């Protein structure tokens, strides 16, 4: 069984065929998935999808792109939303200096607020970082000195130093279809060195469809292709990779009930 640890089932590309997306995932051996909150004003829609399906969980958070409009200065709204039984993570949150749709200061403030919510709820932090390796690592290290934090770096595409600093904090690292891309040799080198006990796999669907599905709308079923590439890189059987990453998911997201997976 595989778990897609990060997808966006509420995005139109997937929402318009919700039943088909889940059925194809099941046929591909995907037993569960985590659909991610990116805006609080759309959280009800995300939560409703998780409520409709036994093997779907959700997170609550504000993507760094949305920090200008929805960035949180206080963790109360996140904490309140996290009381729902299907909410198992806080985020995605973090820093994105590639597009800079929101000011860096607003992103950092909202990021710290999500960390406070993670501490208060005991739920793992789901971190997005792009073109902000040093700043993300420094902020996480600063916060860790104030009190323990835990979570994962999702859709990892950063450099080896970011991986090392995240692992040193006890974070997990989630690998997307980027690892299958022709130009991703540097990432593949990093993946070889990440301990199996800290790895998860994801799609970030509807984006970043892996080879051999490049150019198509990504969906949770395609996490199988990413898992196959990661197994190859780690030199382990696919069945072992599936078992380990699934165990890792439920160890990190321990609010999720494994018995719900189909």
C-alpha atoms as a PDB file:
ATOM      1  CA  UNK A   1       0.000   0.000   0.000  1.00  0.00           C
ATOM      2  CA  UNK A   2       1.107   3.545  -0.797  1.00  0.00           C
ATOM      3  CA  UNK A   3       0.039   6.837   0.743  1.00  0.00           C
ATOM      4  CA  UNK A   4      -0.020  10.066  -1.257  1.00  0.00           C
ATOM      5  CA  UNK A   5       1.168  12.373   1.497  1.00  0.00           C
ATOM      6  CA  UNK A   6       0.370  15.638  -0.313  1.00  0.00           C
ATOM      7  CA  UNK A   7      -2.259  16.376  -2.937  1.00  0.00           C
ATOM      8  CA  UNK A   8      -4.903  18.998  -3.647  1.00  0.00           C
ATOM      9  CA  UNK A   9      -8.171  17.174  -4.225  1.00  0.00           C
ATOM     10  CA  UNK A  10     -10.121  20.428  -3.965  1.00  0.00           C
ATOM     11  CA  UNK A  11      -8.398  21.959  -6.996  1.00  0.00           C
ATOM     12  CA  UNK A  12     -10.675  22.008 -10.015  1.00  0.00           C
ATOM     13  CA  UNK A  13      -8.599  19.630 -12.134  1.00  0.00           C
ATOM     14  CA  UNK A  14      -9.227  16.841  -9.596  1.00  0.00           C
ATOM     15  CA  UNK A  15     -12.478  17.979  -7.977  1.00  0.00           C
ATOM     16  CA  UNK A  16     -14.408  17.691 -11.232  1.00  0.00           C
ATOM     17  CA  UNK A  17     -13.757  13.921 -11.219  1.00  0.00           C
ATOM     18  CA  UNK A  18     -13.421  13.225  -7.504  1.00  0.00           C
ATOM     19  CA  UNK A  19     -14.844   9.722  -7.649  1.00  0.00           C
ATOM     20  CA  UNK A  20     -12.721   8.722 -10.632  1.00  0.00           C
ATOM     21  CA  UNK A  21      -9.560  10.117  -9.062  1.00  0.00           C
ATOM     22  CA  UNK A  22     -10.080   8.070  -5.915  1.00  0.00           C
ATOM     23  CA  UNK A  23     -10.997   4.929  -7.811  1.00  0.00           C
ATOM     24  CA  UNK A  24      -7.888   5.145  -9.993  1.00  0.00           C
ATOM     25  CA  UNK A  25      -5.778   5.707  -6.881  1.00  0.00           C
ATOM     26  CA  UNK A  26      -7.219   2.597  -5.272  1.00  0.00           C
ATOM     27  CA  UNK A  27      -6.518   0.568  -8.421  1.00  0.00           C
ATOM     28  CA  UNK A  28      -2.908   1.772  -8.354  1.00  0.00           C
ATOM     29  CA  UNK A  29      -2.425   0.567  -4.782  1.00  0.00           C
ATOM     30  CA  UNK A  30      -2.806   3.946  -3.079  1.00  0.00           C
ATOM     31  CA  UNK A  31      -4.557   3.224   0.189  1.00  0.00           C
ATOM     32  CA  UNK A  32      -4.857   6.765   1.508  1.00  0.00           C
ATOM     33  CA  UNK A  33      -4.098  10.393   0.794  1.00  0.00           C
ATOM     34  CA  UNK A  34      -3.679  13.727   2.509  1.00  0.00           C
ATOM     35  CA  UNK A  35      -5.375  16.673   0.803  1.00  0.00           C
ATOM     36  CA  UNK A  36      -3.816  19.988   1.736  1.00  0.00           C
ATOM     37  CA  UNK A  37      -5.261  23.259   2.914  1.00  0.00           C
ATOM     38  CA  UNK A  38      -3.852  26.377   1.244  1.00  0.00           C
ATOM     39  CA  UNK A  39      -6.415  29.044   2.223  1.00  0.00           C
ATOM     40  CA  UNK A  40      -8.646  29.338   5.258  1.00  0.00           C
ATOM     41  CA  UNK A  41     -11.485  30.766   3.182  1.00  0.00           C
ATOM     42  CA  UNK A  42     -11.501  27.486   1.223  1.00  0.00           C
ATOM     43  CA  UNK A  43     -10.846  25.132   4.121  1.00  0.00           C
ATOM     44  CA  UNK A  44     -14.471  23.986   4.415  1.00  0.00           C
ATOM     45  CA  UNK A  45     -14.229  22.558   0.899  1.00  0.00           C
ATOM     46  CA  UNK A  46     -11.004  20.711   1.730  1.00  0.00           C
ATOM     47  CA  UNK A  47     -12.453  19.298   4.943  1.00  0.00           C
ATOM     48  CA  UNK A  48     -15.643  18.199   3.163  1.00  0.00           C
ATOM     49  CA  UNK A  49     -13.632  16.028   0.782  1.00  0.00           C
ATOM     50  CA  UNK A  50     -11.926  14.316   3.720  1.00  0.00           C
ATOM     51  CA  UNK A  51     -15.294  13.822   5.386  1.00  0.00           C
ATOM     52  CA  UNK A  52     -16.678  12.108   2.288  1.00  0.00           C
ATOM     53  CA  UNK A  53     -13.964   9.445   2.121  1.00  0.00           C
ATOM     54  CA  UNK A  54     -12.700   7.115   4.830  1.00  0.00           C
ATOM     55  CA  UNK A  55      -9.145   7.048   3.489  1.00  0.00           C
ATOM     56  CA  UNK A  56      -8.695  10.787   2.894  1.00  0.00           C
ATOM     57  CA  UNK A  57      -7.377  13.169   5.532  1.00  0.00           C
ATOM     58  CA  UNK A  58      -6.711  16.886   5.318  1.00  0.00           C
ATOM     59  CA  UNK A  59      -4.553  19.667   6.710  1.00  0.00           C
ATOM     60  CA  UNK A  60      -5.337  23.274   7.548  1.00  0.00           C
ATOM     61  CA  UNK A  61      -3.079  26.128   6.572  1.00  0.00           C
ATOM     62  CA  UNK A  62      -2.224  29.131   4.451  1.00  0.00           C
ATOM     63  CA  UNK A  63       0.225  28.704   1.565  1.00  0.00           C
ATOM     64  CA  UNK A  64       3.009  31.314   1.519  1.00  0.00           C
ATOM     65  CA  UNK A  65       1.603  32.633  -1.771  1.00  0.00           C
ATOM     66  CA  UNK A  66      -1.528  33.614   0.157  1.00  0.00           C
ATOM     67  CA  UNK A  67       0.228  35.202   3.138  1.00  0.00           C
ATOM     68  CA  UNK A  68      -0.463  38.755   1.981  1.00  0.00           C
ATOM     69  CA  UNK A  69      -4.233  38.193   2.035  1.00  0.00           C
ATOM     70  CA  UNK A  70      -4.624  35.365   4.520  1.00  0.00           C
ATOM     71  CA  UNK A  71      -1.412  35.237   6.521  1.00  0.00           C
ATOM     72  CA  UNK A  72      -2.116  34.425  10.153  1.00  0.00           C
ATOM     73  CA  UNK A  73      -0.792  36.501  13.036  1.00  0.00           C
ATOM     74  CA  UNK A  74      -2.432  34.376  15.715  1.00  0.00           C
ATOM     75  CA  UNK A  75      -2.769  30.578  15.743  1.00  0.00           C
ATOM     76  CA  UNK A  76      -6.330  30.448  17.107  1.00  0.00           C
ATOM     77  CA  UNK A  77      -8.139  29.848  13.797  1.00  0.00           C
ATOM     78  CA  UNK A  78      -5.704  27.084  12.871  1.00  0.00           C
ATOM     79  CA  UNK A  79      -6.016  25.484  16.294  1.00  0.00           C
ATOM     80  CA  UNK A  80      -9.804  25.572  16.148  1.00  0.00           C
ATOM     81  CA  UNK A  81      -9.904  23.984  12.691  1.00  0.00           C
ATOM     82  CA  UNK A  82      -7.446  21.300  13.805  1.00  0.00           C
ATOM     83  CA  UNK A  83      -9.941  19.962  16.340  1.00  0.00           C
ATOM     84  CA  UNK A  84     -11.779  18.203  13.524  1.00  0.00           C
ATOM     85  CA  UNK A  85     -10.951  14.459  13.522  1.00  0.00           C
ATOM     86  CA  UNK A  86      -9.907  14.413   9.869  1.00  0.00           C
ATOM     87  CA  UNK A  87      -7.415  17.302  10.229  1.00  0.00           C
ATOM     88  CA  UNK A  88      -4.025  15.669  10.791  1.00  0.00           C
ATOM     89  CA  UNK A  89      -1.486  18.363   9.865  1.00  0.00           C
ATOM     90  CA  UNK A  90      -0.781  22.105   9.953  1.00  0.00           C
ATOM     91  CA  UNK A  91       0.062  23.712   6.614  1.00  0.00           C
ATOM     92  CA  UNK A  92       1.126  23.962   4.019  1.00  0.00           C
ATOM     93  CA  UNK A  93       3.146  26.910   5.170  1.00  0.00           C
ATOM     94  CA  UNK A  94       6.658  28.185   4.632  1.00  0.00           C
ATOM     95  CA  UNK A  95       8.612  30.515   2.386  1.00  0.00           C
ATOM     96  CA  UNK A  96       8.478  30.915  -1.392  1.00  0.00           C
ATOM     97  CA  UNK A  97      10.904  33.469  -2.771  1.00  0.00           C
ATOM     98  CA  UNK A  98      10.602  32.234  -6.363  1.00  0.00           C
ATOM     99  CA  UNK A  99       7.326  33.982  -7.178  1.00  0.00           C
ATOM    100  CA  UNK A 100       7.079  36.231  -4.111  1.00  0.00           C
ATOM    101  CA  UNK A 101       3.323  36.595  -4.468  1.00  0.00           C
ATOM    102  CA  UNK A 102       3.387  37.785  -0.864  1.00  0.00           C
ATOM    103  CA  UNK A 103       5.980  39.947   0.937  1.00  0.00           C
ATOM    104  CA  UNK A 104       8.729  37.970   2.630  1.00  0.00           C
ATOM    105  CA  UNK A 105       7.894  39.477   6.011  1.00  0.00           C
ATOM    106  CA  UNK A 106       4.253  38.363   5.714  1.00  0.00           C
ATOM    107  CA  UNK A 107       5.331  34.854   4.733  1.00  0.00           C
ATOM    108  CA  UNK A 108       7.675  34.601   7.715  1.00  0.00           C
ATOM    109  CA  UNK A 109       5.076  35.887  10.168  1.00  0.00           C
ATOM    110  CA  UNK A 110       2.467  33.413   8.947  1.00  0.00           C
ATOM    111  CA  UNK A 111       5.054  30.599   8.979  1.00  0.00           C
ATOM    112  CA  UNK A 112       5.855  31.275  12.637  1.00  0.00           C
ATOM    113  CA  UNK A 113       2.140  31.355  13.452  1.00  0.00           C
ATOM    114  CA  UNK A 114       1.678  27.927  11.866  1.00  0.00           C
ATOM    115  CA  UNK A 115       4.588  26.644  13.946  1.00  0.00           C
ATOM    116  CA  UNK A 116       2.810  27.921  17.065  1.00  0.00           C
ATOM    117  CA  UNK A 117      -0.334  26.089  15.958  1.00  0.00           C
ATOM    118  CA  UNK A 118       1.663  22.911  15.380  1.00  0.00           C
ATOM    119  CA  UNK A 119       3.075  23.102  18.900  1.00  0.00           C
ATOM    120  CA  UNK A 120      -0.346  23.802  20.409  1.00  0.00           C
ATOM    121  CA  UNK A 121      -2.118  20.964  18.594  1.00  0.00           C
ATOM    122  CA  UNK A 122       0.673  18.392  18.490  1.00  0.00           C
ATOM    123  CA  UNK A 123       0.125  18.037  14.740  1.00  0.00           C
ATOM    124  CA  UNK A 124       3.035  17.949  12.283  1.00  0.00           C
ATOM    125  CA  UNK A 125       4.027  20.985  10.259  1.00  0.00           C
ATOM    126  CA  UNK A 126       3.874  20.728   6.451  1.00  0.00           C
ATOM    127  CA  UNK A 127       6.570  23.007   5.032  1.00  0.00           C
ATOM    128  CA  UNK A 128       6.767  24.478   1.541  1.00  0.00           C
ATOM    129  CA  UNK A 129      10.092  26.041   0.584  1.00  0.00           C
ATOM    130  CA  UNK A 130      11.235  27.336  -2.790  1.00  0.00           C
ATOM    131  CA  UNK A 131      14.301  29.464  -3.472  1.00  0.00           C
ATOM    132  CA  UNK A 132      14.468  30.062   0.271  1.00  0.00           C
ATOM    133  CA  UNK A 133      16.616  27.229   1.604  1.00  0.00           C
ATOM    134  CA  UNK A 134      18.779  29.228   3.995  1.00  0.00           C
ATOM    135  CA  UNK A 135      15.910  31.352   5.268  1.00  0.00           C
ATOM    136  CA  UNK A 136      13.632  28.353   5.813  1.00  0.00           C
ATOM    137  CA  UNK A 137      16.280  26.359   7.641  1.00  0.00           C
ATOM    138  CA  UNK A 138      17.246  29.324   9.798  1.00  0.00           C
ATOM    139  CA  UNK A 139      13.640  30.053  10.771  1.00  0.00           C
ATOM    140  CA  UNK A 140      13.001  26.408  11.656  1.00  0.00           C
ATOM    141  CA  UNK A 141      16.197  26.270  13.708  1.00  0.00           C
ATOM    142  CA  UNK A 142      15.269  29.471  15.538  1.00  0.00           C
ATOM    143  CA  UNK A 143      11.850  28.101  16.367  1.00  0.00           C
ATOM    144  CA  UNK A 144      13.281  24.746  17.397  1.00  0.00           C
ATOM    145  CA  UNK A 145      15.448  26.505  19.975  1.00  0.00           C
ATOM    146  CA  UNK A 146      12.271  27.974  21.499  1.00  0.00           C
ATOM    147  CA  UNK A 147      10.643  24.558  21.757  1.00  0.00           C
ATOM    148  CA  UNK A 148      10.620  21.293  19.842  1.00  0.00           C
ATOM    149  CA  UNK A 149       8.898  21.269  16.455  1.00  0.00           C
ATOM    150  CA  UNK A 150       8.364  18.467  13.984  1.00  0.00           C
ATOM    151  CA  UNK A 151       6.987  17.869  10.518  1.00  0.00           C
ATOM    152  CA  UNK A 152       8.158  17.438   6.961  1.00  0.00           C
ATOM    153  CA  UNK A 153       9.555  19.330   4.009  1.00  0.00           C
ATOM    154  CA  UNK A 154       7.080  18.589   1.233  1.00  0.00           C
ATOM    155  CA  UNK A 155       7.870  18.269  -2.472  1.00  0.00           C
ATOM    156  CA  UNK A 156      11.561  18.433  -1.703  1.00  0.00           C
ATOM    157  CA  UNK A 157      13.559  20.105  -4.475  1.00  0.00           C
ATOM    158  CA  UNK A 158      16.134  22.005  -2.412  1.00  0.00           C
ATOM    159  CA  UNK A 159      19.850  21.410  -1.969  1.00  0.00           C
ATOM    160  CA  UNK A 160      21.792  18.983   0.211  1.00  0.00           C
ATOM    161  CA  UNK A 161      22.333  21.507   3.014  1.00  0.00           C
ATOM    162  CA  UNK A 162      18.579  22.019   3.386  1.00  0.00           C
ATOM    163  CA  UNK A 163      18.127  18.259   3.566  1.00  0.00           C
ATOM    164  CA  UNK A 164      20.824  17.906   6.209  1.00  0.00           C
ATOM    165  CA  UNK A 165      19.478  20.749   8.339  1.00  0.00           C
ATOM    166  CA  UNK A 166      15.908  19.440   8.132  1.00  0.00           C
ATOM    167  CA  UNK A 167      16.992  15.926   9.055  1.00  0.00           C
ATOM    168  CA  UNK A 168      19.012  17.284  11.970  1.00  0.00           C
ATOM    169  CA  UNK A 169      15.805  18.828  13.329  1.00  0.00           C
ATOM    170  CA  UNK A 170      14.061  15.466  13.075  1.00  0.00           C
ATOM    171  CA  UNK A 171      11.973  16.414  10.041  1.00  0.00           C
ATOM    172  CA  UNK A 172      10.839  14.005   7.368  1.00  0.00           C
ATOM    173  CA  UNK A 173      11.316  14.687   3.649  1.00  0.00           C
ATOM    174  CA  UNK A 174       8.635  14.032   1.055  1.00  0.00           C
ATOM    175  CA  UNK A 175       9.572  13.284  -2.548  1.00  0.00           C
ATOM    176  CA  UNK A 176       7.381  14.204  -5.509  1.00  0.00           C
ATOM    177  CA  UNK A 177       7.428  13.367  -9.202  1.00  0.00           C
ATOM    178  CA  UNK A 178      10.261  15.857  -9.700  1.00  0.00           C
ATOM    179  CA  UNK A 179      12.623  12.993  -8.833  1.00  0.00           C
ATOM    180  CA  UNK A 180      11.713  11.359 -12.184  1.00  0.00           C
ATOM    181  CA  UNK A 181      12.438  14.454 -14.288  1.00  0.00           C
ATOM    182  CA  UNK A 182      15.343  14.324 -16.720  1.00  0.00           C
ATOM    183  CA  UNK A 183      17.056  17.387 -15.238  1.00  0.00           C
ATOM    184  CA  UNK A 184      16.747  16.245 -11.596  1.00  0.00           C
ATOM    185  CA  UNK A 185      20.129  14.517 -11.197  1.00  0.00           C
ATOM    186  CA  UNK A 186      21.022  16.657  -8.182  1.00  0.00           C
ATOM    187  CA  UNK A 187      17.802  15.710  -6.425  1.00  0.00           C
ATOM    188  CA  UNK A 188      18.320  12.038  -7.180  1.00  0.00           C
ATOM    189  CA  UNK A 189      21.756  12.235  -5.545  1.00  0.00           C
ATOM    190  CA  UNK A 190      20.212  13.743  -2.420  1.00  0.00           C
ATOM    191  CA  UNK A 191      17.449  11.131  -2.283  1.00  0.00           C
ATOM    192  CA  UNK A 192      20.046   8.357  -2.293  1.00  0.00           C
ATOM    193  CA  UNK A 193      21.470   9.800   0.933  1.00  0.00           C
ATOM    194  CA  UNK A 194      18.213  10.435   2.835  1.00  0.00           C
ATOM    195  CA  UNK A 195      17.540   7.654   5.370  1.00  0.00           C
ATOM    196  CA  UNK A 196      14.614   5.459   4.381  1.00  0.00           C
ATOM    197  CA  UNK A 197      13.152   6.019   7.838  1.00  0.00           C
ATOM    198  CA  UNK A 198      12.646   9.708   7.016  1.00  0.00           C
ATOM    199  CA  UNK A 199      11.148   9.444   3.516  1.00  0.00           C
ATOM    200  CA  UNK A 200       7.595   9.949   2.307  1.00  0.00           C
ATOM    201  CA  UNK A 201       6.225  10.108  -1.240  1.00  0.00           C
ATOM    202  CA  UNK A 202       3.639  12.457  -2.705  1.00  0.00           C
ATOM    203  CA  UNK A 203       2.188  13.800  -5.930  1.00  0.00           C
ATOM    204  CA  UNK A 204       1.439  17.484  -5.172  1.00  0.00           C
ATOM    205  CA  UNK A 205      -1.389  16.765  -7.639  1.00  0.00           C
ATOM    206  CA  UNK A 206      -2.649  18.236  -9.879  1.00  0.00           C
ATOM    207  CA  UNK A 207       0.912  19.485 -10.488  1.00  0.00           C
ATOM    208  CA  UNK A 208       4.250  17.827 -11.302  1.00  0.00           C
ATOM    209  CA  UNK A 209       3.104  14.615 -12.958  1.00  0.00           C
ATOM    210  CA  UNK A 210       5.992  12.127 -12.922  1.00  0.00           C
ATOM    211  CA  UNK A 211       7.546  10.383 -15.880  1.00  0.00           C
ATOM    212  CA  UNK A 212       5.900   8.616 -17.747  1.00  0.00           C
ATOM    213  CA  UNK A 213       2.840  10.849 -17.169  1.00  0.00           C
ATOM    214  CA  UNK A 214       4.549  14.172 -17.883  1.00  0.00           C
ATOM    215  CA  UNK A 215       2.226  16.702 -19.469  1.00  0.00           C
ATOM    216  CA  UNK A 216      -0.884  15.170 -17.940  1.00  0.00           C
ATOM    217  CA  UNK A 217      -2.863  16.338 -14.937  1.00  0.00           C
ATOM    218  CA  UNK A 218      -1.215  14.705 -11.953  1.00  0.00           C
ATOM    219  CA  UNK A 219      -3.356  12.630  -9.595  1.00  0.00           C
ATOM    220  CA  UNK A 220      -2.768  10.406  -6.548  1.00  0.00           C
ATOM    221  CA  UNK A 221      -2.566   7.203  -8.621  1.00  0.00           C
ATOM    222  CA  UNK A 222       0.657   8.508 -10.162  1.00  0.00           C
ATOM    223  CA  UNK A 223       2.501   8.395  -6.833  1.00  0.00           C
ATOM    224  CA  UNK A 224       3.257   4.796  -7.788  1.00  0.00           C
ATOM    225  CA  UNK A 225       5.692   6.044 -10.448  1.00  0.00           C
ATOM    226  CA  UNK A 226       7.474   8.266  -7.950  1.00  0.00           C
ATOM    227  CA  UNK A 227       7.696   5.398  -5.473  1.00  0.00           C
ATOM    228  CA  UNK A 228       9.211   3.135  -8.132  1.00  0.00           C
ATOM    229  CA  UNK A 229      11.926   5.691  -8.896  1.00  0.00           C
ATOM    230  CA  UNK A 230      12.710   6.238  -5.208  1.00  0.00           C
ATOM    231  CA  UNK A 231      12.943   2.464  -4.660  1.00  0.00           C
ATOM    232  CA  UNK A 232      15.360   2.236  -7.579  1.00  0.00           C
ATOM    233  CA  UNK A 233      17.499   5.055  -6.172  1.00  0.00           C
ATOM    234  CA  UNK A 234      17.550   3.510  -2.702  1.00  0.00           C
ATOM    235  CA  UNK A 235      18.334   0.053  -4.053  1.00  0.00           C
ATOM    236  CA  UNK A 236      15.358  -1.607  -2.357  1.00  0.00           C
ATOM    237  CA  UNK A 237      12.395  -3.587  -3.588  1.00  0.00           C
ATOM    238  CA  UNK A 238       9.298  -1.549  -4.383  1.00  0.00           C
ATOM    239  CA  UNK A 239       7.312  -3.494  -1.778  1.00  0.00           C
ATOM    240  CA  UNK A 240       9.804  -2.454   0.894  1.00  0.00           C
ATOM    241  CA  UNK A 241       9.676   1.181  -0.183  1.00  0.00           C
ATOM    242  CA  UNK A 242       5.877   1.104  -0.071  1.00  0.00           C
ATOM    243  CA  UNK A 243       5.843  -0.454   3.401  1.00  0.00           C
ATOM    244  CA  UNK A 244       8.449   1.910   4.848  1.00  0.00           C
ATOM    245  CA  UNK A 245       6.967   5.126   3.463  1.00  0.00           C
ATOM    246  CA  UNK A 246       3.490   4.091   4.609  1.00  0.00           C
ATOM    247  CA  UNK A 247       4.806   3.335   8.092  1.00  0.00           C
ATOM    248  CA  UNK A 248       6.596   6.699   8.072  1.00  0.00           C
ATOM    249  CA  UNK A 249       3.386   8.490   7.130  1.00  0.00           C
ATOM    250  CA  UNK A 250       1.434   7.020  10.030  1.00  0.00           C
ATOM    251  CA  UNK A 251       4.320   7.595  12.430  1.00  0.00           C
ATOM    252  CA  UNK A 252       4.448  11.279  11.512  1.00  0.00           C
ATOM    253  CA  UNK A 253       0.709  11.853  11.058  1.00  0.00           C
ATOM    254  CA  UNK A 254      -0.236   9.794  14.066  1.00  0.00           C
ATOM    255  CA  UNK A 255      -3.734  11.276  14.312  1.00  0.00           C
ATOM    256  CA  UNK A 256      -4.639   9.409  11.112  1.00  0.00           C
ATOM    257  CA  UNK A 257      -6.304   6.045  11.644  1.00  0.00           C
ATOM    258  CA  UNK A 258      -4.536   3.435   9.575  1.00  0.00           C
ATOM    259  CA  UNK A 259      -7.584   1.179   9.681  1.00  0.00           C
ATOM    260  CA  UNK A 260      -9.401   3.634   7.392  1.00  0.00           C
ATOM    261  CA  UNK A 261      -7.130   2.831   4.446  1.00  0.00           C
ATOM    262  CA  UNK A 262      -8.609   0.803   1.651  1.00  0.00           C
END
